[in-house]
């Protein structure tokens, strides 16, 4: 893990938002000095929303920050307001997921003060 210590400048919390009028998308990552990290992704369309959250460790290889999530949990919610029977949330858990984030994306991201909730 010594190689991470050569990247102290990326320790922090980051949030990105994308999307237009019909879709909301944001992604967040928290990179800690002790080598741990947490990841969050949220996407909302007219018909459903999903959120993926996970935590684990991070490392830098070339120009990519890899966040290794021990478990990545995805919760999908249906937004059908007219359903007589509400569709239950769909929960899916994947083990050992590697999330890649470009180093440049971190360096250009506005450091967020919102705080990731993992």
PDB file of N, CA and C in Angstrom:
ATOM      1  N   UNK A   1       0.809  -1.213   0.000  1.00  0.00           N
ATOM      2  CA  UNK A   1       0.000   0.000   0.000  1.00  0.00           C
ATOM      3  C   UNK A   1       0.853   1.280   0.000  1.00  0.00           C
ATOM      4  N   UNK A   2       2.201   1.113  -0.053  1.00  0.00           N
ATOM      5  CA  UNK A   2       3.061   2.295  -0.018  1.00  0.00           C
ATOM      6  C   UNK A   2       2.777   3.213  -1.202  1.00  0.00           C
ATOM      7  N   UNK A   3       2.405   2.609  -2.334  1.00  0.00           N
ATOM      8  CA  UNK A   3       2.235   3.444  -3.527  1.00  0.00           C
ATOM      9  C   UNK A   3       1.108   4.469  -3.370  1.00  0.00           C
ATOM     10  N   UNK A   4       0.126   4.186  -2.526  1.00  0.00           N
ATOM     11  CA  UNK A   4      -0.937   5.159  -2.300  1.00  0.00           C
ATOM     12  C   UNK A   4      -0.433   6.413  -1.601  1.00  0.00           C
ATOM     13  N   UNK A   5       0.615   6.250  -0.823  1.00  0.00           N
ATOM     14  CA  UNK A   5       1.114   7.387  -0.065  1.00  0.00           C
ATOM     15  C   UNK A   5       1.717   8.447  -0.982  1.00  0.00           C
ATOM     16  N   UNK A   6       1.969   8.073  -2.240  1.00  0.00           N
ATOM     17  CA  UNK A   6       2.483   9.068  -3.175  1.00  0.00           C
ATOM     18  C   UNK A   6       1.341   9.897  -3.770  1.00  0.00           C
ATOM     19  N   UNK A   7       0.106   9.648  -3.325  1.00  0.00           N
ATOM     20  CA  UNK A   7      -1.057  10.400  -3.818  1.00  0.00           C
ATOM     21  C   UNK A   7      -1.843  11.035  -2.676  1.00  0.00           C
ATOM     22  N   UNK A   8      -1.165  11.704  -1.727  1.00  0.00           N
ATOM     23  CA  UNK A   8      -1.930  12.262  -0.594  1.00  0.00           C
ATOM     24  C   UNK A   8      -2.899  13.346  -1.051  1.00  0.00           C
ATOM     25  N   UNK A   9      -2.643  13.942  -2.214  1.00  0.00           N
ATOM     26  CA  UNK A   9      -3.491  15.060  -2.662  1.00  0.00           C
ATOM     27  C   UNK A   9      -4.886  14.620  -3.084  1.00  0.00           C
ATOM     28  N   UNK A  10      -5.102  13.325  -3.288  1.00  0.00           N
ATOM     29  CA  UNK A  10      -6.451  12.911  -3.707  1.00  0.00           C
ATOM     30  C   UNK A  10      -7.322  12.483  -2.532  1.00  0.00           C
ATOM     31  N   UNK A  11      -6.765  12.465  -1.325  1.00  0.00           N
ATOM     32  CA  UNK A  11      -7.582  12.125  -0.151  1.00  0.00           C
ATOM     33  C   UNK A  11      -8.666  13.195  -0.003  1.00  0.00           C
ATOM     34  N   UNK A  12      -9.904  12.767   0.163  1.00  0.00           N
ATOM     35  CA  UNK A  12     -11.007  13.707   0.315  1.00  0.00           C
ATOM     36  C   UNK A  12     -12.315  13.114  -0.177  1.00  0.00           C
ATOM     37  N   UNK A  13     -13.344  13.959  -0.253  1.00  0.00           N
ATOM     38  CA  UNK A  13     -14.669  13.537  -0.719  1.00  0.00           C
ATOM     39  C   UNK A  13     -14.996  14.262  -2.006  1.00  0.00           C
ATOM     40  N   UNK A  14     -15.577  13.542  -2.948  1.00  0.00           N
ATOM     41  CA  UNK A  14     -15.883  14.105  -4.264  1.00  0.00           C
ATOM     42  C   UNK A  14     -17.302  13.732  -4.678  1.00  0.00           C
ATOM     43  N   UNK A  15     -17.932  14.631  -5.406  1.00  0.00           N
ATOM     44  CA  UNK A  15     -19.275  14.394  -5.947  1.00  0.00           C
ATOM     45  C   UNK A  15     -19.330  14.913  -7.370  1.00  0.00           C
ATOM     46  N   UNK A  16     -19.952  14.162  -8.260  1.00  0.00           N
ATOM     47  CA  UNK A  16     -20.193  14.633  -9.622  1.00  0.00           C
ATOM     48  C   UNK A  16     -21.671  14.510  -9.903  1.00  0.00           C
ATOM     49  N   UNK A  17     -22.210  15.462 -10.640  1.00  0.00           N
ATOM     50  CA  UNK A  17     -23.610  15.373 -11.063  1.00  0.00           C
ATOM     51  C   UNK A  17     -23.677  15.500 -12.559  1.00  0.00           C
ATOM     52  N   UNK A  18     -24.514  14.656 -13.178  1.00  0.00           N
ATOM     53  CA  UNK A  18     -24.758  14.740 -14.607  1.00  0.00           C
ATOM     54  C   UNK A  18     -26.263  14.610 -14.762  1.00  0.00           C
ATOM     55  N   UNK A  19     -26.714  14.797 -15.980  1.00  0.00           N
ATOM     56  CA  UNK A  19     -28.131  14.546 -16.214  1.00  0.00           C
ATOM     57  C   UNK A  19     -28.827  15.749 -16.777  1.00  0.00           C
ATOM     58  N   UNK A  20     -29.998  15.499 -17.299  1.00  0.00           N
ATOM     59  CA  UNK A  20     -30.796  16.552 -17.895  1.00  0.00           C
ATOM     60  C   UNK A  20     -32.145  16.625 -17.224  1.00  0.00           C
ATOM     61  N   UNK A  21     -33.143  17.023 -17.997  1.00  0.00           N
ATOM     62  CA  UNK A  21     -34.463  17.252 -17.427  1.00  0.00           C
ATOM     63  C   UNK A  21     -35.168  15.941 -17.066  1.00  0.00           C
ATOM     64  N   UNK A  22     -34.858  14.850 -17.776  1.00  0.00           N
ATOM     65  CA  UNK A  22     -35.584  13.606 -17.524  1.00  0.00           C
ATOM     66  C   UNK A  22     -34.781  12.629 -16.673  1.00  0.00           C
ATOM     67  N   UNK A  23     -33.537  12.952 -16.386  1.00  0.00           N
ATOM     68  CA  UNK A  23     -32.702  11.995 -15.674  1.00  0.00           C
ATOM     69  C   UNK A  23     -31.759  12.716 -14.727  1.00  0.00           C
ATOM     70  N   UNK A  24     -31.563  12.126 -13.546  1.00  0.00           N
ATOM     71  CA  UNK A  24     -30.605  12.671 -12.588  1.00  0.00           C
ATOM     72  C   UNK A  24     -29.562  11.596 -12.349  1.00  0.00           C
ATOM     73  N   UNK A  25     -28.297  11.992 -12.337  1.00  0.00           N
ATOM     74  CA  UNK A  25     -27.248  11.018 -12.078  1.00  0.00           C
ATOM     75  C   UNK A  25     -26.171  11.681 -11.255  1.00  0.00           C
ATOM     76  N   UNK A  26     -25.787  11.064 -10.176  1.00  0.00           N
ATOM     77  CA  UNK A  26     -24.603  11.553  -9.487  1.00  0.00           C
ATOM     78  C   UNK A  26     -23.805  10.401  -8.918  1.00  0.00           C
ATOM     79  N   UNK A  27     -22.550  10.709  -8.691  1.00  0.00           N
ATOM     80  CA  UNK A  27     -21.582   9.712  -8.289  1.00  0.00           C
ATOM     81  C   UNK A  27     -20.730  10.370  -7.218  1.00  0.00           C
ATOM     82  N   UNK A  28     -20.365   9.632  -6.210  1.00  0.00           N
ATOM     83  CA  UNK A  28     -19.519  10.202  -5.164  1.00  0.00           C
ATOM     84  C   UNK A  28     -18.535   9.178  -4.659  1.00  0.00           C
ATOM     85  N   UNK A  29     -17.389   9.678  -4.223  1.00  0.00           N
ATOM     86  CA  UNK A  29     -16.392   8.783  -3.647  1.00  0.00           C
ATOM     87  C   UNK A  29     -15.713   9.501  -2.492  1.00  0.00           C
ATOM     88  N   UNK A  30     -15.393   8.741  -1.469  1.00  0.00           N
ATOM     89  CA  UNK A  30     -14.645   9.281  -0.336  1.00  0.00           C
ATOM     90  C   UNK A  30     -13.360   8.464  -0.239  1.00  0.00           C
ATOM     91  N   UNK A  31     -12.229   9.157  -0.315  1.00  0.00           N
ATOM     92  CA  UNK A  31     -10.927   8.497  -0.284  1.00  0.00           C
ATOM     93  C   UNK A  31     -10.229   8.911   1.010  1.00  0.00           C
ATOM     94  N   UNK A  32      -9.923   7.928   1.830  1.00  0.00           N
ATOM     95  CA  UNK A  32      -9.327   8.195   3.141  1.00  0.00           C
ATOM     96  C   UNK A  32      -7.826   7.922   3.150  1.00  0.00           C
ATOM     97  N   UNK A  33      -7.127   8.653   3.988  1.00  0.00           N
ATOM     98  CA  UNK A  33      -5.666   8.531   4.079  1.00  0.00           C
ATOM     99  C   UNK A  33      -5.224   7.141   4.539  1.00  0.00           C
ATOM    100  N   UNK A  34      -6.104   6.425   5.258  1.00  0.00           N
ATOM    101  CA  UNK A  34      -5.719   5.103   5.766  1.00  0.00           C
ATOM    102  C   UNK A  34      -5.872   3.995   4.729  1.00  0.00           C
ATOM    103  N   UNK A  35      -6.215   4.364   3.482  1.00  0.00           N
ATOM    104  CA  UNK A  35      -6.332   3.357   2.422  1.00  0.00           C
ATOM    105  C   UNK A  35      -7.742   2.829   2.226  1.00  0.00           C
ATOM    106  N   UNK A  36      -8.693   3.286   3.050  1.00  0.00           N
ATOM    107  CA  UNK A  36     -10.082   2.861   2.874  1.00  0.00           C
ATOM    108  C   UNK A  36     -10.820   3.864   1.988  1.00  0.00           C
ATOM    109  N   UNK A  37     -11.944   3.431   1.437  1.00  0.00           N
ATOM    110  CA  UNK A  37     -12.731   4.291   0.560  1.00  0.00           C
ATOM    111  C   UNK A  37     -14.186   3.856   0.577  1.00  0.00           C
ATOM    112  N   UNK A  38     -15.077   4.779   0.216  1.00  0.00           N
ATOM    113  CA  UNK A  38     -16.481   4.417   0.025  1.00  0.00           C
ATOM    114  C   UNK A  38     -16.965   5.037  -1.279  1.00  0.00           C
ATOM    115  N   UNK A  39     -17.961   4.392  -1.880  1.00  0.00           N
ATOM    116  CA  UNK A  39     -18.434   4.775  -3.213  1.00  0.00           C
ATOM    117  C   UNK A  39     -19.950   4.831  -3.208  1.00  0.00           C
ATOM    118  N   UNK A  40     -20.494   5.797  -3.944  1.00  0.00           N
ATOM    119  CA  UNK A  40     -21.947   5.927  -4.062  1.00  0.00           C
ATOM    120  C   UNK A  40     -22.290   6.363  -5.479  1.00  0.00           C
ATOM    121  N   UNK A  41     -23.365   5.820  -5.987  1.00  0.00           N
ATOM    122  CA  UNK A  41     -23.831   6.182  -7.327  1.00  0.00           C
ATOM    123  C   UNK A  41     -25.355   6.218  -7.276  1.00  0.00           C
ATOM    124  N   UNK A  42     -25.942   7.246  -7.860  1.00  0.00           N
ATOM    125  CA  UNK A  42     -27.399   7.387  -7.819  1.00  0.00           C
ATOM    126  C   UNK A  42     -27.887   7.782  -9.207  1.00  0.00           C
ATOM    127  N   UNK A  43     -28.931   7.126  -9.678  1.00  0.00           N
ATOM    128  CA  UNK A  43     -29.484   7.427 -10.988  1.00  0.00           C
ATOM    129  C   UNK A  43     -31.002   7.431 -10.880  1.00  0.00           C
ATOM    130  N   UNK A  44     -31.618   8.453 -11.433  1.00  0.00           N
ATOM    131  CA  UNK A  44     -33.081   8.560 -11.357  1.00  0.00           C
ATOM    132  C   UNK A  44     -33.628   8.909 -12.727  1.00  0.00           C
ATOM    133  N   UNK A  45     -34.598   8.119 -13.183  1.00  0.00           N
ATOM    134  CA  UNK A  45     -35.303   8.409 -14.433  1.00  0.00           C
ATOM    135  C   UNK A  45     -36.772   8.597 -14.082  1.00  0.00           C
ATOM    136  N   UNK A  46     -37.605   8.786 -15.092  1.00  0.00           N
ATOM    137  CA  UNK A  46     -39.038   8.963 -14.817  1.00  0.00           C
ATOM    138  C   UNK A  46     -39.658   7.736 -14.177  1.00  0.00           C
ATOM    139  N   UNK A  47     -39.178   6.546 -14.549  1.00  0.00           N
ATOM    140  CA  UNK A  47     -39.855   5.330 -14.094  1.00  0.00           C
ATOM    141  C   UNK A  47     -39.228   4.669 -12.870  1.00  0.00           C
ATOM    142  N   UNK A  48     -37.935   4.932 -12.617  1.00  0.00           N
ATOM    143  CA  UNK A  48     -37.312   4.266 -11.473  1.00  0.00           C
ATOM    144  C   UNK A  48     -36.063   5.021 -11.025  1.00  0.00           C
ATOM    145  N   UNK A  49     -35.566   4.615  -9.867  1.00  0.00           N
ATOM    146  CA  UNK A  49     -34.300   5.164  -9.390  1.00  0.00           C
ATOM    147  C   UNK A  49     -33.471   4.009  -8.851  1.00  0.00           C
ATOM    148  N   UNK A  50     -32.163   4.169  -8.909  1.00  0.00           N
ATOM    149  CA  UNK A  50     -31.331   3.180  -8.242  1.00  0.00           C
ATOM    150  C   UNK A  50     -30.162   3.864  -7.558  1.00  0.00           C
ATOM    151  N   UNK A  51     -29.711   3.232  -6.485  1.00  0.00           N
ATOM    152  CA  UNK A  51     -28.541   3.726  -5.772  1.00  0.00           C
ATOM    153  C   UNK A  51     -27.616   2.547  -5.521  1.00  0.00           C
ATOM    154  N   UNK A  52     -26.335   2.749  -5.804  1.00  0.00           N
ATOM    155  CA  UNK A  52     -25.331   1.724  -5.510  1.00  0.00           C
ATOM    156  C   UNK A  52     -24.386   2.286  -4.458  1.00  0.00           C
ATOM    157  N   UNK A  53     -24.119   1.499  -3.421  1.00  0.00           N
ATOM    158  CA  UNK A  53     -23.213   1.943  -2.372  1.00  0.00           C
ATOM    159  C   UNK A  53     -22.289   0.790  -1.996  1.00  0.00           C
ATOM    160  N   UNK A  54     -21.072   1.154  -1.639  1.00  0.00           N
ATOM    161  CA  UNK A  54     -20.126   0.133  -1.217  1.00  0.00           C
ATOM    162  C   UNK A  54     -18.923   0.774  -0.561  1.00  0.00           C
ATOM    163  N   UNK A  55     -18.142  -0.040   0.133  1.00  0.00           N
ATOM    164  CA  UNK A  55     -16.923   0.489   0.731  1.00  0.00           C
ATOM    165  C   UNK A  55     -15.862  -0.587   0.745  1.00  0.00           C
ATOM    166  N   UNK A  56     -14.628  -0.133   0.864  1.00  0.00           N
ATOM    167  CA  UNK A  56     -13.502  -1.059   0.855  1.00  0.00           C
ATOM    168  C   UNK A  56     -12.204  -0.280   0.863  1.00  0.00           C
ATOM    169  N   UNK A  57     -11.353  -0.548  -0.121  1.00  0.00           N
ATOM    170  CA  UNK A  57     -10.028   0.071  -0.171  1.00  0.00           C
ATOM    171  C   UNK A  57      -9.798   0.714  -1.537  1.00  0.00           C
ATOM    172  N   UNK A  58      -8.759   1.543  -1.629  1.00  0.00           N
ATOM    173  CA  UNK A  58      -8.442   2.183  -2.904  1.00  0.00           C
ATOM    174  C   UNK A  58      -6.960   2.030  -3.218  1.00  0.00           C
ATOM    175  N   UNK A  59      -6.656   2.106  -4.531  1.00  0.00           N
ATOM    176  CA  UNK A  59      -5.263   2.123  -4.976  1.00  0.00           C
ATOM    177  C   UNK A  59      -5.201   2.878  -6.297  1.00  0.00           C
ATOM    178  N   UNK A  60      -4.035   3.389  -6.613  1.00  0.00           N
ATOM    179  CA  UNK A  60      -3.838   4.116  -7.862  1.00  0.00           C
ATOM    180  C   UNK A  60      -2.961   3.274  -8.776  1.00  0.00           C
ATOM    181  N   UNK A  61      -3.398   3.096 -10.025  1.00  0.00           N
ATOM    182  CA  UNK A  61      -2.596   2.437 -11.043  1.00  0.00           C
ATOM    183  C   UNK A  61      -2.626   3.304 -12.277  1.00  0.00           C
ATOM    184  N   UNK A  62      -1.453   3.743 -12.718  1.00  0.00           N
ATOM    185  CA  UNK A  62      -1.348   4.649 -13.860  1.00  0.00           C
ATOM    186  C   UNK A  62      -2.225   5.866 -13.607  1.00  0.00           C
ATOM    187  N   UNK A  63      -3.219   6.107 -14.470  1.00  0.00           N
ATOM    188  CA  UNK A  63      -4.051   7.303 -14.291  1.00  0.00           C
ATOM    189  C   UNK A  63      -5.441   6.955 -13.785  1.00  0.00           C
ATOM    190  N   UNK A  64      -5.562   5.803 -13.097  1.00  0.00           N
ATOM    191  CA  UNK A  64      -6.866   5.346 -12.611  1.00  0.00           C
ATOM    192  C   UNK A  64      -6.814   5.096 -11.105  1.00  0.00           C
ATOM    193  N   UNK A  65      -7.860   5.558 -10.416  1.00  0.00           N
ATOM    194  CA  UNK A  65      -8.038   5.222  -9.004  1.00  0.00           C
ATOM    195  C   UNK A  65      -9.026   4.057  -8.968  1.00  0.00           C
ATOM    196  N   UNK A  66      -8.602   2.946  -8.415  1.00  0.00           N
ATOM    197  CA  UNK A  66      -9.473   1.780  -8.282  1.00  0.00           C
ATOM    198  C   UNK A  66     -10.029   1.734  -6.868  1.00  0.00           C
ATOM    199  N   UNK A  67     -11.351   1.667  -6.755  1.00  0.00           N
ATOM    200  CA  UNK A  67     -11.985   1.479  -5.448  1.00  0.00           C
ATOM    201  C   UNK A  67     -12.491   0.040  -5.427  1.00  0.00           C
ATOM    202  N   UNK A  68     -11.907  -0.747  -4.532  1.00  0.00           N
ATOM    203  CA  UNK A  68     -12.317  -2.146  -4.410  1.00  0.00           C
ATOM    204  C   UNK A  68     -13.400  -2.231  -3.343  1.00  0.00           C
ATOM    205  N   UNK A  69     -14.642  -2.458  -3.781  1.00  0.00           N
ATOM    206  CA  UNK A  69     -15.767  -2.572  -2.846  1.00  0.00           C
ATOM    207  C   UNK A  69     -15.921  -4.040  -2.447  1.00  0.00           C
ATOM    208  N   UNK A  70     -15.861  -4.299  -1.156  1.00  0.00           N
ATOM    209  CA  UNK A  70     -16.045  -5.658  -0.659  1.00  0.00           C
ATOM    210  C   UNK A  70     -17.438  -6.143  -1.072  1.00  0.00           C
ATOM    211  N   UNK A  71     -18.416  -5.262  -0.921  1.00  0.00           N
ATOM    212  CA  UNK A  71     -19.782  -5.510  -1.404  1.00  0.00           C
ATOM    213  C   UNK A  71     -20.292  -4.232  -2.050  1.00  0.00           C
ATOM    214  N   UNK A  72     -20.922  -4.357  -3.197  1.00  0.00           N
ATOM    215  CA  UNK A  72     -21.565  -3.215  -3.842  1.00  0.00           C
ATOM    216  C   UNK A  72     -23.058  -3.527  -3.873  1.00  0.00           C
ATOM    217  N   UNK A  73     -23.827  -2.737  -3.133  1.00  0.00           N
ATOM    218  CA  UNK A  73     -25.262  -2.985  -3.000  1.00  0.00           C
ATOM    219  C   UNK A  73     -26.021  -2.038  -3.912  1.00  0.00           C
ATOM    220  N   UNK A  74     -26.930  -2.588  -4.689  1.00  0.00           N
ATOM    221  CA  UNK A  74     -27.748  -1.777  -5.593  1.00  0.00           C
ATOM    222  C   UNK A  74     -29.213  -1.933  -5.192  1.00  0.00           C
ATOM    223  N   UNK A  75     -29.863  -0.797  -4.912  1.00  0.00           N
ATOM    224  CA  UNK A  75     -31.284  -0.803  -4.557  1.00  0.00           C
ATOM    225  C   UNK A  75     -32.034  -0.055  -5.655  1.00  0.00           C
ATOM    226  N   UNK A  76     -32.954  -0.746  -6.326  1.00  0.00           N
ATOM    227  CA  UNK A  76     -33.751  -0.148  -7.397  1.00  0.00           C
ATOM    228  C   UNK A  76     -35.178   0.041  -6.908  1.00  0.00           C
ATOM    229  N   UNK A  77     -35.695   1.268  -7.075  1.00  0.00           N
ATOM    230  CA  UNK A  77     -37.059   1.581  -6.652  1.00  0.00           C
ATOM    231  C   UNK A  77     -37.877   1.962  -7.877  1.00  0.00           C
ATOM    232  N   UNK A  78     -39.059   1.392  -7.981  1.00  0.00           N
ATOM    233  CA  UNK A  78     -39.980   1.743  -9.062  1.00  0.00           C
ATOM    234  C   UNK A  78     -40.723   3.011  -8.677  1.00  0.00           C
ATOM    235  N   UNK A  79     -41.032   3.840  -9.690  1.00  0.00           N
ATOM    236  CA  UNK A  79     -41.736   5.094  -9.390  1.00  0.00           C
ATOM    237  C   UNK A  79     -43.125   5.116 -10.025  1.00  0.00           C
ATOM    238  N   UNK A  80     -43.743   3.944 -10.135  1.00  0.00           N
ATOM    239  CA  UNK A  80     -45.081   3.891 -10.725  1.00  0.00           C
ATOM    240  C   UNK A  80     -46.107   4.359  -9.691  1.00  0.00           C
ATOM    241  N   UNK A  81     -46.534   5.615  -9.823  1.00  0.00           N
ATOM    242  CA  UNK A  81     -47.466   6.191  -8.850  1.00  0.00           C
ATOM    243  C   UNK A  81     -48.854   5.576  -8.936  1.00  0.00           C
ATOM    244  N   UNK A  82     -49.177   4.986 -10.094  1.00  0.00           N
ATOM    245  CA  UNK A  82     -50.540   4.509 -10.314  1.00  0.00           C
ATOM    246  C   UNK A  82     -50.699   3.016 -10.065  1.00  0.00           C
ATOM    247  N   UNK A  83     -49.628   2.375  -9.597  1.00  0.00           N
ATOM    248  CA  UNK A  83     -49.715   0.935  -9.347  1.00  0.00           C
ATOM    249  C   UNK A  83     -50.625   0.678  -8.149  1.00  0.00           C
ATOM    250  N   UNK A  84     -51.468  -0.313  -8.285  1.00  0.00           N
ATOM    251  CA  UNK A  84     -52.361  -0.673  -7.193  1.00  0.00           C
ATOM    252  C   UNK A  84     -51.549  -1.386  -6.110  1.00  0.00           C
ATOM    253  N   UNK A  85     -50.663  -2.256  -6.549  1.00  0.00           N
ATOM    254  CA  UNK A  85     -49.758  -2.925  -5.622  1.00  0.00           C
ATOM    255  C   UNK A  85     -48.369  -2.343  -5.856  1.00  0.00           C
ATOM    256  N   UNK A  86     -47.801  -1.750  -4.803  1.00  0.00           N
ATOM    257  CA  UNK A  86     -46.491  -1.127  -4.953  1.00  0.00           C
ATOM    258  C   UNK A  86     -45.428  -2.193  -5.226  1.00  0.00           C
ATOM    259  N   UNK A  87     -44.606  -1.943  -6.233  1.00  0.00           N
ATOM    260  CA  UNK A  87     -43.526  -2.873  -6.552  1.00  0.00           C
ATOM    261  C   UNK A  87     -42.480  -2.800  -5.439  1.00  0.00           C
ATOM    262  N   UNK A  88     -42.092  -3.956  -4.888  1.00  0.00           N
ATOM    263  CA  UNK A  88     -41.068  -3.905  -3.839  1.00  0.00           C
ATOM    264  C   UNK A  88     -39.718  -3.475  -4.412  1.00  0.00           C
ATOM    265  N   UNK A  89     -38.899  -2.869  -3.573  1.00  0.00           N
ATOM    266  CA  UNK A  89     -37.564  -2.488  -4.016  1.00  0.00           C
ATOM    267  C   UNK A  89     -36.786  -3.748  -4.383  1.00  0.00           C
ATOM    268  N   UNK A  90     -35.981  -3.613  -5.420  1.00  0.00           N
ATOM    269  CA  UNK A  90     -35.134  -4.732  -5.833  1.00  0.00           C
ATOM    270  C   UNK A  90     -33.741  -4.469  -5.261  1.00  0.00           C
ATOM    271  N   UNK A  91     -33.229  -5.443  -4.513  1.00  0.00           N
ATOM    272  CA  UNK A  91     -31.912  -5.281  -3.896  1.00  0.00           C
ATOM    273  C   UNK A  91     -30.976  -6.343  -4.457  1.00  0.00           C
ATOM    274  N   UNK A  92     -29.820  -5.884  -4.921  1.00  0.00           N
ATOM    275  CA  UNK A  92     -28.841  -6.802  -5.494  1.00  0.00           C
ATOM    276  C   UNK A  92     -27.496  -6.471  -4.858  1.00  0.00           C
ATOM    277  N   UNK A  93     -26.778  -7.488  -4.399  1.00  0.00           N
ATOM    278  CA  UNK A  93     -25.459  -7.272  -3.799  1.00  0.00           C
ATOM    279  C   UNK A  93     -24.418  -8.035  -4.605  1.00  0.00           C
ATOM    280  N   UNK A  94     -23.422  -7.312  -5.093  1.00  0.00           N
ATOM    281  CA  UNK A  94     -22.309  -7.950  -5.794  1.00  0.00           C
ATOM    282  C   UNK A  94     -21.089  -7.905  -4.883  1.00  0.00           C
ATOM    283  N   UNK A  95     -20.335  -8.982  -4.876  1.00  0.00           N
ATOM    284  CA  UNK A  95     -19.131  -9.074  -4.031  1.00  0.00           C
ATOM    285  C   UNK A  95     -17.890  -8.704  -4.851  1.00  0.00           C
ATOM    286  N   UNK A  96     -16.936  -8.094  -4.179  1.00  0.00           N
ATOM    287  CA  UNK A  96     -15.630  -7.802  -4.782  1.00  0.00           C
ATOM    288  C   UNK A  96     -15.725  -7.090  -6.118  1.00  0.00           C
ATOM    289  N   UNK A  97     -16.260  -5.879  -6.097  1.00  0.00           N
ATOM    290  CA  UNK A  97     -16.410  -5.092  -7.324  1.00  0.00           C
ATOM    291  C   UNK A  97     -15.323  -4.015  -7.358  1.00  0.00           C
ATOM    292  N   UNK A  98     -14.658  -3.886  -8.507  1.00  0.00           N
ATOM    293  CA  UNK A  98     -13.668  -2.834  -8.704  1.00  0.00           C
ATOM    294  C   UNK A  98     -14.324  -1.691  -9.476  1.00  0.00           C
ATOM    295  N   UNK A  99     -14.329  -0.507  -8.886  1.00  0.00           N
ATOM    296  CA  UNK A  99     -14.883   0.678  -9.547  1.00  0.00           C
ATOM    297  C   UNK A  99     -13.692   1.530  -9.980  1.00  0.00           C
ATOM    298  N   UNK A 100     -13.663   1.901 -11.256  1.00  0.00           N
ATOM    299  CA  UNK A 100     -12.537   2.712 -11.728  1.00  0.00           C
ATOM    300  C   UNK A 100     -12.957   4.158 -11.930  1.00  0.00           C
ATOM    301  N   UNK A 101     -12.113   5.050 -11.442  1.00  0.00           N
ATOM    302  CA  UNK A 101     -12.349   6.492 -11.570  1.00  0.00           C
ATOM    303  C   UNK A 101     -11.052   7.091 -12.095  1.00  0.00           C
ATOM    304  N   UNK A 102     -11.151   7.858 -13.163  1.00  0.00           N
ATOM    305  CA  UNK A 102      -9.948   8.487 -13.728  1.00  0.00           C
ATOM    306  C   UNK A 102      -9.358   9.487 -12.729  1.00  0.00           C
ATOM    307  N   UNK A 103      -8.046   9.445 -12.590  1.00  0.00           N
ATOM    308  CA  UNK A 103      -7.356  10.357 -11.688  1.00  0.00           C
ATOM    309  C   UNK A 103      -7.682  11.813 -12.034  1.00  0.00           C
ATOM    310  N   UNK A 104      -7.753  12.116 -13.321  1.00  0.00           N
ATOM    311  CA  UNK A 104      -8.065  13.482 -13.760  1.00  0.00           C
ATOM    312  C   UNK A 104      -9.461  13.895 -13.306  1.00  0.00           C
ATOM    313  N   UNK A 105     -10.378  12.933 -13.260  1.00  0.00           N
ATOM    314  CA  UNK A 105     -11.754  13.220 -12.831  1.00  0.00           C
ATOM    315  C   UNK A 105     -11.747  13.681 -11.377  1.00  0.00           C
ATOM    316  N   UNK A 106     -10.899  13.060 -10.562  1.00  0.00           N
ATOM    317  CA  UNK A 106     -10.794  13.467  -9.156  1.00  0.00           C
ATOM    318  C   UNK A 106     -10.162  14.844  -9.041  1.00  0.00           C
ATOM    319  N   UNK A 107      -9.082  15.041  -9.793  1.00  0.00           N
ATOM    320  CA  UNK A 107      -8.359  16.300  -9.671  1.00  0.00           C
ATOM    321  C   UNK A 107      -9.198  17.477 -10.158  1.00  0.00           C
ATOM    322  N   UNK A 108     -10.136  17.209 -11.075  1.00  0.00           N
ATOM    323  CA  UNK A 108     -10.984  18.291 -11.609  1.00  0.00           C
ATOM    324  C   UNK A 108     -12.322  18.383 -10.899  1.00  0.00           C
ATOM    325  N   UNK A 109     -12.579  17.465  -9.976  1.00  0.00           N
ATOM    326  CA  UNK A 109     -13.892  17.453  -9.307  1.00  0.00           C
ATOM    327  C   UNK A 109     -13.948  18.540  -8.243  1.00  0.00           C
ATOM    328  N   UNK A 110     -15.123  19.112  -8.070  1.00  0.00           N
ATOM    329  CA  UNK A 110     -15.267  20.034  -6.944  1.00  0.00           C
ATOM    330  C   UNK A 110     -15.238  19.207  -5.659  1.00  0.00           C
ATOM    331  N   UNK A 111     -14.369  19.510  -4.744  1.00  0.00           N
ATOM    332  CA  UNK A 111     -14.355  18.780  -3.475  1.00  0.00           C
ATOM    333  C   UNK A 111     -15.683  19.032  -2.793  1.00  0.00           C
ATOM    334  N   UNK A 112     -16.343  17.979  -2.400  1.00  0.00           N
ATOM    335  CA  UNK A 112     -17.705  18.160  -1.870  1.00  0.00           C
ATOM    336  C   UNK A 112     -17.676  18.267  -0.358  1.00  0.00           C
ATOM    337  N   UNK A 113     -18.614  18.986   0.166  1.00  0.00           N
ATOM    338  CA  UNK A 113     -18.733  19.069   1.618  1.00  0.00           C
ATOM    339  C   UNK A 113     -19.983  18.347   2.063  1.00  0.00           C
ATOM    340  N   UNK A 114     -20.661  17.701   1.097  1.00  0.00           N
ATOM    341  CA  UNK A 114     -21.928  17.057   1.433  1.00  0.00           C
ATOM    342  C   UNK A 114     -21.726  15.831   2.320  1.00  0.00           C
ATOM    343  N   UNK A 115     -20.588  15.168   2.157  1.00  0.00           N
ATOM    344  CA  UNK A 115     -20.338  13.970   2.970  1.00  0.00           C
ATOM    345  C   UNK A 115     -21.078  12.776   2.414  1.00  0.00           C
ATOM    346  N   UNK A 116     -20.374  11.702   2.152  1.00  0.00           N
ATOM    347  CA  UNK A 116     -21.029  10.497   1.662  1.00  0.00           C
ATOM    348  C   UNK A 116     -21.564   9.732   2.856  1.00  0.00           C
ATOM    349  N   UNK A 117     -22.726   9.160   2.685  1.00  0.00           N
ATOM    350  CA  UNK A 117     -23.316   8.397   3.783  1.00  0.00           C
ATOM    351  C   UNK A 117     -23.243   6.934   3.401  1.00  0.00           C
ATOM    352  N   UNK A 118     -22.286   6.237   3.925  1.00  0.00           N
ATOM    353  CA  UNK A 118     -22.152   4.812   3.636  1.00  0.00           C
ATOM    354  C   UNK A 118     -22.244   4.038   4.930  1.00  0.00           C
TER     355      UNK A 118
END
